[in-house]
Amino acid sequence: MTFSPVVTVFGSLHYDIAVFGPARPRKGETVTGTSWHPKSGGKGGNQAVSAARTGVATFMIGAVAGDDFGDFLIANLARKNVDHTFVRRDASQSTGMSVATFDAEGDYGAVIVSGSNLTLGDHDVSAARELLSRTTILVLQNEIPDAANVAAAKAVKQAGGRVLINAAPARILSNDLQHLIDIIVVNAIEAEMLAGVPVVETLDGALEAARKLVKIFPEVVVTAGGSGVAYANRSGEEIAVAAVKVEVESTHGAGDEFIGVLAAEIASGKTMNAALQKANIEAARLVGTPEKNRLR
């Protein structure tokens, strides 16, 4: 029998508006921008697109409203070969959206409005039960309710699949969810919150954080921005991968690119070292691509 890996992303979809200017405004300041454009976003949607780009069968479970923003996001998933059968239309909320303001150096600040993403729950898990039963790896984030993540993780674990969570934005995870996680991926800020100790954003600092978090989670990946990424598991395996050096155009979405590729590589049976190396390379490629030239 041929093994056919399946990545299922259960999470957020946002209609993003990217605004470009010489600087980000300070409190009370108005800055004259240079351009803006809409793009598909949400950590869930971004990660699904990145996973699908590797060629692995990728499914998205999410919720959008019956509005133009929702149409835009669903069309993008279809165009990027992400199965959107289980992206539900919800008339009670507007589609999730965000506004990100970029400065001349490519740094950004963003505001998100979750909208329909907050309606995800047991009903979505029930509707996708058959898909979840054959999912190789489930990808979760913190942009939807914790209870929704718990329900999806339970369904996948009961069927023998694995659960990867990108614990971002930073928040405390419920005990119910913690016990269902196989692999957790965090940055220095998120690691610090979960480990309860300061984390230095260096490769050594990331590895030390992974060692602390492995007492809570079976496998831990800690990203350290321009320094690289570290990994530890309960069997004592440790991996440190230095960042690929590129000229930074924008760090926006690099974490989601990393997650999507990592999940697809793991689902395909690659070793963790190989998966980390591939994800690291693809995230660096995105960082070196100007925001205006990206297609997602």
C-alpha atoms as a PDB file:
ATOM      1  CA  MET A   1       0.000   0.000   0.000  1.00  0.00           C
ATOM      2  CA  THR A   2       1.349   3.419  -0.979  1.00  0.00           C
ATOM      3  CA  PHE A   3       1.695   5.901   1.862  1.00  0.00           C
ATOM      4  CA  SER A   4      -0.107   9.173   1.123  1.00  0.00           C
ATOM      5  CA  PRO A   5       0.655  11.831   3.729  1.00  0.00           C
ATOM      6  CA  VAL A   6      -2.084  14.300   4.652  1.00  0.00           C
ATOM      7  CA  VAL A   7      -1.539  17.651   6.344  1.00  0.00           C
ATOM      8  CA  THR A   8      -4.639  19.227   7.846  1.00  0.00           C
ATOM      9  CA  VAL A   9      -4.500  22.807   9.091  1.00  0.00           C
ATOM     10  CA  PHE A  10      -7.212  23.781  11.566  1.00  0.00           C
ATOM     11  CA  GLY A  11      -7.027  27.494  12.140  1.00  0.00           C
ATOM     12  CA  SER A  12      -7.331  31.098  11.144  1.00  0.00           C
ATOM     13  CA  LEU A  13      -8.031  32.821   7.858  1.00  0.00           C
ATOM     14  CA  HIS A  14      -7.558  36.592   7.589  1.00  0.00           C
ATOM     15  CA  TYR A  15      -7.949  39.074   4.777  1.00  0.00           C
ATOM     16  CA  ASP A  16      -4.748  41.086   5.136  1.00  0.00           C
ATOM     17  CA  ILE A  17      -4.237  44.692   4.099  1.00  0.00           C
ATOM     18  CA  ALA A  18      -0.534  45.527   3.820  1.00  0.00           C
ATOM     19  CA  VAL A  19       0.348  49.229   4.023  1.00  0.00           C
ATOM     20  CA  PHE A  20       3.811  50.505   3.077  1.00  0.00           C
ATOM     21  CA  GLY A  21       5.458  53.726   4.187  1.00  0.00           C
ATOM     22  CA  PRO A  22       8.781  55.249   5.258  1.00  0.00           C
ATOM     23  CA  ALA A  23       8.090  54.497   8.930  1.00  0.00           C
ATOM     24  CA  ARG A  24       5.411  53.109  11.213  1.00  0.00           C
ATOM     25  CA  PRO A  25       3.397  55.800  12.984  1.00  0.00           C
ATOM     26  CA  ARG A  26       4.046  56.614  16.620  1.00  0.00           C
ATOM     27  CA  LYS A  27       1.207  57.370  19.023  1.00  0.00           C
ATOM     28  CA  GLY A  28      -0.814  60.265  17.646  1.00  0.00           C
ATOM     29  CA  GLU A  29       1.225  60.482  14.428  1.00  0.00           C
ATOM     30  CA  THR A  30       0.015  60.276  10.829  1.00  0.00           C
ATOM     31  CA  VAL A  31       2.509  58.951   8.276  1.00  0.00           C
ATOM     32  CA  THR A  32       2.046  59.300   4.525  1.00  0.00           C
ATOM     33  CA  GLY A  33       2.288  55.869   2.965  1.00  0.00           C
ATOM     34  CA  THR A  34       3.599  54.874  -0.438  1.00  0.00           C
ATOM     35  CA  SER A  35       1.325  51.946  -1.380  1.00  0.00           C
ATOM     36  CA  TRP A  36      -0.968  49.213  -0.094  1.00  0.00           C
ATOM     37  CA  HIS A  37      -2.322  45.898  -1.305  1.00  0.00           C
ATOM     38  CA  PRO A  38      -4.620  43.102  -0.123  1.00  0.00           C
ATOM     39  CA  LYS A  39      -3.335  39.574   0.488  1.00  0.00           C
ATOM     40  CA  SER A  40      -4.493  36.303   1.953  1.00  0.00           C
ATOM     41  CA  GLY A  41      -3.415  35.697   5.516  1.00  0.00           C
ATOM     42  CA  GLY A  42      -4.163  34.249   8.898  1.00  0.00           C
ATOM     43  CA  LYS A  43      -1.577  31.920  10.388  1.00  0.00           C
ATOM     44  CA  GLY A  44      -3.692  28.924   9.446  1.00  0.00           C
ATOM     45  CA  GLY A  45      -4.181  29.956   5.838  1.00  0.00           C
ATOM     46  CA  ASN A  46      -0.533  30.910   5.402  1.00  0.00           C
ATOM     47  CA  GLN A  47       0.679  27.604   6.845  1.00  0.00           C
ATOM     48  CA  ALA A  48      -1.699  25.596   4.664  1.00  0.00           C
ATOM     49  CA  VAL A  49      -0.475  27.336   1.511  1.00  0.00           C
ATOM     50  CA  SER A  50       3.152  26.723   2.496  1.00  0.00           C
ATOM     51  CA  ALA A  51       2.488  23.037   3.162  1.00  0.00           C
ATOM     52  CA  ALA A  52       0.625  22.593  -0.131  1.00  0.00           C
ATOM     53  CA  ARG A  53       3.474  24.194  -2.049  1.00  0.00           C
ATOM     54  CA  THR A  54       5.654  21.172  -1.164  1.00  0.00           C
ATOM     55  CA  GLY A  55       3.259  18.886  -3.025  1.00  0.00           C
ATOM     56  CA  VAL A  56       1.791  17.176   0.055  1.00  0.00           C
ATOM     57  CA  ALA A  57      -2.010  16.851   0.134  1.00  0.00           C
ATOM     58  CA  THR A  58      -3.142  19.747   2.333  1.00  0.00           C
ATOM     59  CA  PHE A  59      -6.579  20.502   3.755  1.00  0.00           C
ATOM     60  CA  MET A  60      -7.846  23.618   5.516  1.00  0.00           C
ATOM     61  CA  ILE A  61     -10.544  23.628   8.190  1.00  0.00           C
ATOM     62  CA  GLY A  62     -11.640  27.168   8.980  1.00  0.00           C
ATOM     63  CA  ALA A  63     -14.442  29.722   8.842  1.00  0.00           C
ATOM     64  CA  VAL A  64     -15.102  32.861   6.804  1.00  0.00           C
ATOM     65  CA  ALA A  65     -18.189  35.009   6.343  1.00  0.00           C
ATOM     66  CA  GLY A  66     -20.331  35.236   3.227  1.00  0.00           C
ATOM     67  CA  ASP A  67     -18.610  38.430   2.155  1.00  0.00           C
ATOM     68  CA  ASP A  68     -16.066  39.567  -0.426  1.00  0.00           C
ATOM     69  CA  PHE A  69     -13.192  38.973   1.978  1.00  0.00           C
ATOM     70  CA  GLY A  70     -14.310  35.373   2.417  1.00  0.00           C
ATOM     71  CA  ASP A  71     -14.582  34.907  -1.352  1.00  0.00           C
ATOM     72  CA  PHE A  72     -11.040  36.260  -1.751  1.00  0.00           C
ATOM     73  CA  LEU A  73      -9.594  33.851   0.831  1.00  0.00           C
ATOM     74  CA  ILE A  74     -11.356  30.762  -0.502  1.00  0.00           C
ATOM     75  CA  ALA A  75     -10.308  31.575  -4.067  1.00  0.00           C
ATOM     76  CA  ASN A  76      -6.709  31.859  -2.922  1.00  0.00           C
ATOM     77  CA  LEU A  77      -6.809  28.456  -1.195  1.00  0.00           C
ATOM     78  CA  ALA A  78      -8.201  26.876  -4.355  1.00  0.00           C
ATOM     79  CA  ARG A  79      -5.557  28.549  -6.494  1.00  0.00           C
ATOM     80  CA  LYS A  80      -2.789  27.299  -4.198  1.00  0.00           C
ATOM     81  CA  ASN A  81      -4.032  23.675  -4.203  1.00  0.00           C
ATOM     82  CA  VAL A  82      -5.328  23.701  -0.626  1.00  0.00           C
ATOM     83  CA  ASP A  83      -8.549  21.693  -0.261  1.00  0.00           C
ATOM     84  CA  HIS A  84     -11.130  24.065   1.260  1.00  0.00           C
ATOM     85  CA  THR A  85     -14.079  21.656   1.525  1.00  0.00           C
ATOM     86  CA  PHE A  86     -14.251  22.290   5.265  1.00  0.00           C
ATOM     87  CA  VAL A  87     -13.910  26.066   5.229  1.00  0.00           C
ATOM     88  CA  ARG A  88     -17.334  27.018   6.590  1.00  0.00           C
ATOM     89  CA  ARG A  89     -19.328  30.151   5.759  1.00  0.00           C
ATOM     90  CA  ASP A  90     -20.595  31.878   8.912  1.00  0.00           C
ATOM     91  CA  ALA A  91     -23.185  34.638   8.616  1.00  0.00           C
ATOM     92  CA  SER A  92     -22.933  35.675  12.271  1.00  0.00           C
ATOM     93  CA  GLN A  93     -19.511  37.310  11.960  1.00  0.00           C
ATOM     94  CA  SER A  94     -17.406  39.183   9.450  1.00  0.00           C
ATOM     95  CA  THR A  95     -14.392  37.459   7.916  1.00  0.00           C
ATOM     96  CA  GLY A  96     -11.245  37.775  10.013  1.00  0.00           C
ATOM     97  CA  MET A  97      -8.893  40.487   8.826  1.00  0.00           C
ATOM     98  CA  SER A  98      -5.689  42.303   9.676  1.00  0.00           C
ATOM     99  CA  VAL A  99      -3.860  45.499   8.819  1.00  0.00           C
ATOM    100  CA  ALA A 100      -0.060  45.361   8.734  1.00  0.00           C
ATOM    101  CA  THR A 101       2.037  48.531   8.411  1.00  0.00           C
ATOM    102  CA  PHE A 102       5.539  48.126   6.982  1.00  0.00           C
ATOM    103  CA  ASP A 103       8.406  50.589   7.283  1.00  0.00           C
ATOM    104  CA  ALA A 104      11.281  51.146   4.850  1.00  0.00           C
ATOM    105  CA  GLU A 105      13.391  48.439   6.549  1.00  0.00           C
ATOM    106  CA  GLY A 106      10.679  45.777   6.147  1.00  0.00           C
ATOM    107  CA  ASP A 107       9.728  45.669   9.827  1.00  0.00           C
ATOM    108  CA  TYR A 108       6.030  45.755  10.574  1.00  0.00           C
ATOM    109  CA  GLY A 109       3.313  46.035  13.174  1.00  0.00           C
ATOM    110  CA  ALA A 110      -0.155  44.553  12.765  1.00  0.00           C
ATOM    111  CA  VAL A 111      -3.652  44.557  14.218  1.00  0.00           C
ATOM    112  CA  ILE A 112      -5.923  41.538  13.711  1.00  0.00           C
ATOM    113  CA  VAL A 113      -9.692  41.265  14.068  1.00  0.00           C
ATOM    114  CA  SER A 114     -10.538  37.577  14.474  1.00  0.00           C
ATOM    115  CA  GLY A 115     -14.192  37.671  13.359  1.00  0.00           C
ATOM    116  CA  SER A 116     -15.432  34.324  12.059  1.00  0.00           C
ATOM    117  CA  ASN A 117     -12.299  32.514  13.259  1.00  0.00           C
ATOM    118  CA  LEU A 118     -13.705  32.657  16.791  1.00  0.00           C
ATOM    119  CA  THR A 119     -16.739  30.574  15.744  1.00  0.00           C
ATOM    120  CA  LEU A 120     -14.622  27.455  15.130  1.00  0.00           C
ATOM    121  CA  GLY A 121     -15.476  24.556  17.434  1.00  0.00           C
ATOM    122  CA  ASP A 122     -16.924  21.062  17.842  1.00  0.00           C
ATOM    123  CA  HIS A 123     -19.256  21.438  14.862  1.00  0.00           C
ATOM    124  CA  ASP A 124     -16.300  21.924  12.508  1.00  0.00           C
ATOM    125  CA  VAL A 125     -14.527  18.896  13.956  1.00  0.00           C
ATOM    126  CA  SER A 126     -17.659  16.759  13.548  1.00  0.00           C
ATOM    127  CA  ALA A 127     -18.086  17.860   9.935  1.00  0.00           C
ATOM    128  CA  ALA A 128     -14.477  16.929   9.134  1.00  0.00           C
ATOM    129  CA  ARG A 129     -14.338  13.705  11.181  1.00  0.00           C
ATOM    130  CA  GLU A 130     -13.458  11.495   8.206  1.00  0.00           C
ATOM    131  CA  LEU A 131     -10.656  13.835   7.104  1.00  0.00           C
ATOM    132  CA  LEU A 132      -9.236  14.042  10.630  1.00  0.00           C
ATOM    133  CA  SER A 133      -9.274  10.234  10.877  1.00  0.00           C
ATOM    134  CA  ARG A 134      -6.776  10.003   7.988  1.00  0.00           C
ATOM    135  CA  THR A 135      -4.691  13.057   8.826  1.00  0.00           C
ATOM    136  CA  THR A 136      -0.972  12.369   9.204  1.00  0.00           C
ATOM    137  CA  ILE A 137      -0.241  15.611  10.989  1.00  0.00           C
ATOM    138  CA  LEU A 138      -2.615  18.270  12.285  1.00  0.00           C
ATOM    139  CA  VAL A 139      -1.354  21.850  12.419  1.00  0.00           C
ATOM    140  CA  LEU A 140      -2.813  24.218  15.032  1.00  0.00           C
ATOM    141  CA  GLN A 141      -2.171  27.832  16.117  1.00  0.00           C
ATOM    142  CA  ASN A 142      -3.428  30.205  18.818  1.00  0.00           C
ATOM    143  CA  GLU A 143      -5.624  32.402  16.601  1.00  0.00           C
ATOM    144  CA  ILE A 144      -8.727  30.284  17.271  1.00  0.00           C
ATOM    145  CA  PRO A 145     -10.328  29.204  20.584  1.00  0.00           C
ATOM    146  CA  ASP A 146      -8.381  26.759  22.745  1.00  0.00           C
ATOM    147  CA  ALA A 147     -11.444  24.500  23.008  1.00  0.00           C
ATOM    148  CA  ALA A 148     -11.590  24.205  19.211  1.00  0.00           C
ATOM    149  CA  ASN A 149      -7.938  23.145  19.120  1.00  0.00           C
ATOM    150  CA  VAL A 150      -8.611  20.543  21.832  1.00  0.00           C
ATOM    151  CA  ALA A 151     -11.522  19.029  19.901  1.00  0.00           C
ATOM    152  CA  ALA A 152      -9.537  18.748  16.661  1.00  0.00           C
ATOM    153  CA  ALA A 153      -6.450  17.375  18.410  1.00  0.00           C
ATOM    154  CA  LYS A 154      -8.506  14.690  20.183  1.00  0.00           C
ATOM    155  CA  ALA A 155     -10.010  13.521  16.895  1.00  0.00           C
ATOM    156  CA  VAL A 156      -6.605  13.216  15.227  1.00  0.00           C
ATOM    157  CA  LYS A 157      -4.914  11.541  18.191  1.00  0.00           C
ATOM    158  CA  GLN A 158      -7.709   8.977  18.494  1.00  0.00           C
ATOM    159  CA  ALA A 159      -7.090   8.015  14.865  1.00  0.00           C
ATOM    160  CA  GLY A 160      -3.320   7.713  15.341  1.00  0.00           C
ATOM    161  CA  GLY A 161      -2.223  10.995  13.790  1.00  0.00           C
ATOM    162  CA  ARG A 162       0.180  13.555  15.233  1.00  0.00           C
ATOM    163  CA  VAL A 163      -0.470  17.094  16.447  1.00  0.00           C
ATOM    164  CA  LEU A 164       1.845  20.064  15.826  1.00  0.00           C
ATOM    165  CA  ILE A 165       1.014  23.426  17.345  1.00  0.00           C
ATOM    166  CA  ASN A 166       2.537  26.763  16.541  1.00  0.00           C
ATOM    167  CA  ALA A 167       1.783  28.375  19.921  1.00  0.00           C
ATOM    168  CA  ALA A 168       1.406  31.881  18.501  1.00  0.00           C
ATOM    169  CA  PRO A 169       0.273  34.457  19.401  1.00  0.00           C
ATOM    170  CA  ALA A 170       1.644  33.824  22.873  1.00  0.00           C
ATOM    171  CA  ARG A 171      -0.917  32.593  25.391  1.00  0.00           C
ATOM    172  CA  ILE A 172      -1.113  29.964  28.099  1.00  0.00           C
ATOM    173  CA  LEU A 173      -2.275  26.595  26.740  1.00  0.00           C
ATOM    174  CA  SER A 174      -4.904  24.650  28.651  1.00  0.00           C
ATOM    175  CA  ASN A 175      -3.844  21.408  30.322  1.00  0.00           C
ATOM    176  CA  ASP A 176      -6.261  19.539  28.038  1.00  0.00           C
ATOM    177  CA  LEU A 177      -4.473  20.855  24.961  1.00  0.00           C
ATOM    178  CA  GLN A 178      -0.948  20.420  26.342  1.00  0.00           C
ATOM    179  CA  HIS A 179      -1.502  16.696  26.823  1.00  0.00           C
ATOM    180  CA  LEU A 180      -2.499  16.246  23.164  1.00  0.00           C
ATOM    181  CA  ILE A 181       0.511  17.976  21.582  1.00  0.00           C
ATOM    182  CA  ASP A 182       3.293  15.967  19.941  1.00  0.00           C
ATOM    183  CA  ILE A 183       5.363  18.854  18.566  1.00  0.00           C
ATOM    184  CA  ILE A 184       5.320  22.472  19.695  1.00  0.00           C
ATOM    185  CA  VAL A 185       6.942  25.285  17.717  1.00  0.00           C
ATOM    186  CA  VAL A 186       7.550  28.615  19.454  1.00  0.00           C
ATOM    187  CA  ASN A 187       9.710  31.705  19.146  1.00  0.00           C
ATOM    188  CA  ALA A 188      11.705  33.200  22.010  1.00  0.00           C
ATOM    189  CA  ILE A 189       8.778  35.237  23.369  1.00  0.00           C
ATOM    190  CA  GLU A 190       6.393  32.290  23.325  1.00  0.00           C
ATOM    191  CA  ALA A 191       9.030  29.969  24.791  1.00  0.00           C
ATOM    192  CA  GLU A 192       9.614  32.410  27.623  1.00  0.00           C
ATOM    193  CA  MET A 193       5.917  32.486  28.489  1.00  0.00           C
ATOM    194  CA  LEU A 194       5.565  28.694  28.454  1.00  0.00           C
ATOM    195  CA  ALA A 195       8.858  27.893  30.180  1.00  0.00           C
ATOM    196  CA  GLY A 196       8.520  30.636  32.775  1.00  0.00           C
ATOM    197  CA  VAL A 197      12.157  31.697  32.420  1.00  0.00           C
ATOM    198  CA  PRO A 198      13.948  34.352  30.324  1.00  0.00           C
ATOM    199  CA  VAL A 199      14.951  33.176  26.837  1.00  0.00           C
ATOM    200  CA  VAL A 200      17.845  34.738  24.931  1.00  0.00           C
ATOM    201  CA  GLU A 201      17.197  34.939  21.164  1.00  0.00           C
ATOM    202  CA  THR A 202      20.389  33.148  20.160  1.00  0.00           C
ATOM    203  CA  LEU A 203      20.904  29.594  18.932  1.00  0.00           C
ATOM    204  CA  ASP A 204      22.262  28.567  22.336  1.00  0.00           C
ATOM    205  CA  GLY A 205      19.387  30.349  24.043  1.00  0.00           C
ATOM    206  CA  ALA A 206      16.855  28.595  21.819  1.00  0.00           C
ATOM    207  CA  LEU A 207      18.392  25.198  22.559  1.00  0.00           C
ATOM    208  CA  GLU A 208      18.333  25.862  26.295  1.00  0.00           C
ATOM    209  CA  ALA A 209      14.657  26.847  26.049  1.00  0.00           C
ATOM    210  CA  ALA A 210      13.895  23.669  24.106  1.00  0.00           C
ATOM    211  CA  ARG A 211      15.538  21.616  26.862  1.00  0.00           C
ATOM    212  CA  LYS A 212      13.279  23.245  29.450  1.00  0.00           C
ATOM    213  CA  LEU A 213      10.095  22.882  27.412  1.00  0.00           C
ATOM    214  CA  VAL A 214      10.723  19.219  26.627  1.00  0.00           C
ATOM    215  CA  LYS A 215       9.712  18.532  30.227  1.00  0.00           C
ATOM    216  CA  ILE A 216       6.208  19.607  29.160  1.00  0.00           C
ATOM    217  CA  PHE A 217       6.030  18.630  25.478  1.00  0.00           C
ATOM    218  CA  PRO A 218       7.472  15.497  23.753  1.00  0.00           C
ATOM    219  CA  GLU A 219       9.162  17.447  20.936  1.00  0.00           C
ATOM    220  CA  VAL A 220      10.065  21.128  20.953  1.00  0.00           C
ATOM    221  CA  VAL A 221      11.199  23.508  18.218  1.00  0.00           C
ATOM    222  CA  VAL A 222      12.342  26.990  19.230  1.00  0.00           C
ATOM    223  CA  THR A 223      13.020  29.538  16.502  1.00  0.00           C
ATOM    224  CA  ALA A 224      15.529  32.290  17.169  1.00  0.00           C
ATOM    225  CA  GLY A 225      14.998  34.741  14.314  1.00  0.00           C
ATOM    226  CA  GLY A 226      18.216  35.498  12.460  1.00  0.00           C
ATOM    227  CA  SER A 227      20.196  33.075  14.618  1.00  0.00           C
ATOM    228  CA  GLY A 228      18.465  29.866  13.557  1.00  0.00           C
ATOM    229  CA  VAL A 229      16.328  27.146  15.102  1.00  0.00           C
ATOM    230  CA  ALA A 230      16.818  24.560  17.861  1.00  0.00           C
ATOM    231  CA  TYR A 231      15.113  21.247  18.604  1.00  0.00           C
ATOM    232  CA  ALA A 232      14.957  18.813  21.503  1.00  0.00           C
ATOM    233  CA  ASN A 233      12.926  15.723  22.321  1.00  0.00           C
ATOM    234  CA  ARG A 234      12.428  13.429  25.302  1.00  0.00           C
ATOM    235  CA  SER A 235      14.755  10.794  23.848  1.00  0.00           C
ATOM    236  CA  GLY A 236      17.652  13.205  24.312  1.00  0.00           C
ATOM    237  CA  GLU A 237      18.045  14.165  20.647  1.00  0.00           C
ATOM    238  CA  GLU A 238      19.087  17.782  20.114  1.00  0.00           C
ATOM    239  CA  ILE A 239      19.495  19.689  16.856  1.00  0.00           C
ATOM    240  CA  ALA A 240      20.721  23.240  16.248  1.00  0.00           C
ATOM    241  CA  VAL A 241      20.410  24.692  12.741  1.00  0.00           C
ATOM    242  CA  ALA A 242      22.015  28.039  11.978  1.00  0.00           C
ATOM    243  CA  ALA A 243      19.988  30.545   9.993  1.00  0.00           C
ATOM    244  CA  VAL A 244      20.552  30.867   6.263  1.00  0.00           C
ATOM    245  CA  LYS A 245      22.079  34.285   5.709  1.00  0.00           C
ATOM    246  CA  VAL A 246      20.064  36.460   3.328  1.00  0.00           C
ATOM    247  CA  GLU A 247      19.498  40.152   2.807  1.00  0.00           C
ATOM    248  CA  VAL A 248      16.328  40.800   4.773  1.00  0.00           C
ATOM    249  CA  GLU A 249      13.442  42.284   2.794  1.00  0.00           C
ATOM    250  CA  SER A 250      10.646  41.442   5.245  1.00  0.00           C
ATOM    251  CA  THR A 251      10.223  38.990   8.101  1.00  0.00           C
ATOM    252  CA  HIS A 252       6.427  39.034   7.692  1.00  0.00           C
ATOM    253  CA  GLY A 253       5.106  35.472   7.304  1.00  0.00           C
ATOM    254  CA  ALA A 254       8.480  33.771   7.739  1.00  0.00           C
ATOM    255  CA  GLY A 255       7.277  31.827  10.757  1.00  0.00           C
ATOM    256  CA  ASP A 256       4.229  30.549   8.880  1.00  0.00           C
ATOM    257  CA  GLU A 257       6.386  29.500   5.933  1.00  0.00           C
ATOM    258  CA  PHE A 258       8.623  27.575   8.333  1.00  0.00           C
ATOM    259  CA  ILE A 259       5.661  25.826   9.996  1.00  0.00           C
ATOM    260  CA  GLY A 260       3.946  24.780   6.780  1.00  0.00           C
ATOM    261  CA  VAL A 261       7.080  23.304   5.241  1.00  0.00           C
ATOM    262  CA  LEU A 262       8.095  21.631   8.513  1.00  0.00           C
ATOM    263  CA  ALA A 263       4.699  19.936   8.861  1.00  0.00           C
ATOM    264  CA  ALA A 264       4.726  18.725   5.258  1.00  0.00           C
ATOM    265  CA  GLU A 265       8.249  17.320   5.554  1.00  0.00           C
ATOM    266  CA  ILE A 266       7.442  15.512   8.807  1.00  0.00           C
ATOM    267  CA  ALA A 267       4.209  14.118   7.341  1.00  0.00           C
ATOM    268  CA  SER A 268       6.208  12.817   4.379  1.00  0.00           C
ATOM    269  CA  GLY A 269       8.401  10.773   6.710  1.00  0.00           C
ATOM    270  CA  LYS A 270      11.516  12.937   6.629  1.00  0.00           C
ATOM    271  CA  THR A 271      13.811  12.954   9.642  1.00  0.00           C
ATOM    272  CA  MET A 272      13.449  15.906  11.980  1.00  0.00           C
ATOM    273  CA  ASN A 273      16.885  17.155  10.992  1.00  0.00           C
ATOM    274  CA  ALA A 274      15.994  17.080   7.291  1.00  0.00           C
ATOM    275  CA  ALA A 275      12.620  18.711   7.952  1.00  0.00           C
ATOM    276  CA  LEU A 276      14.195  21.520   9.969  1.00  0.00           C
ATOM    277  CA  GLN A 277      16.831  22.143   7.312  1.00  0.00           C
ATOM    278  CA  LYS A 278      14.225  22.374   4.539  1.00  0.00           C
ATOM    279  CA  ALA A 279      11.902  24.604   6.555  1.00  0.00           C
ATOM    280  CA  ASN A 280      14.815  26.847   7.496  1.00  0.00           C
ATOM    281  CA  ILE A 281      15.808  27.284   3.846  1.00  0.00           C
ATOM    282  CA  GLU A 282      12.271  28.099   2.700  1.00  0.00           C
ATOM    283  CA  ALA A 283      11.728  30.620   5.503  1.00  0.00           C
ATOM    284  CA  ALA A 284      14.979  32.337   4.539  1.00  0.00           C
ATOM    285  CA  ARG A 285      13.872  32.446   0.907  1.00  0.00           C
ATOM    286  CA  LEU A 286      10.701  34.252   1.967  1.00  0.00           C
ATOM    287  CA  VAL A 287      12.597  36.706   4.174  1.00  0.00           C
ATOM    288  CA  GLY A 288      14.746  37.622   1.173  1.00  0.00           C
ATOM    289  CA  THR A 289      11.716  38.278  -1.046  1.00  0.00           C
ATOM    290  CA  PRO A 290      10.256  41.810  -1.046  1.00  0.00           C
ATOM    291  CA  GLU A 291       6.767  41.886   0.478  1.00  0.00           C
ATOM    292  CA  LYS A 292       5.311  43.455  -2.660  1.00  0.00           C
ATOM    293  CA  ASN A 293       6.626  40.592  -4.828  1.00  0.00           C
ATOM    294  CA  ARG A 294       5.145  37.775  -2.763  1.00  0.00           C
ATOM    295  CA  LEU A 295       2.231  35.682  -3.868  1.00  0.00           C
ATOM    296  CA  ARG A 296       0.322  33.828  -1.162  1.00  0.00           C
END
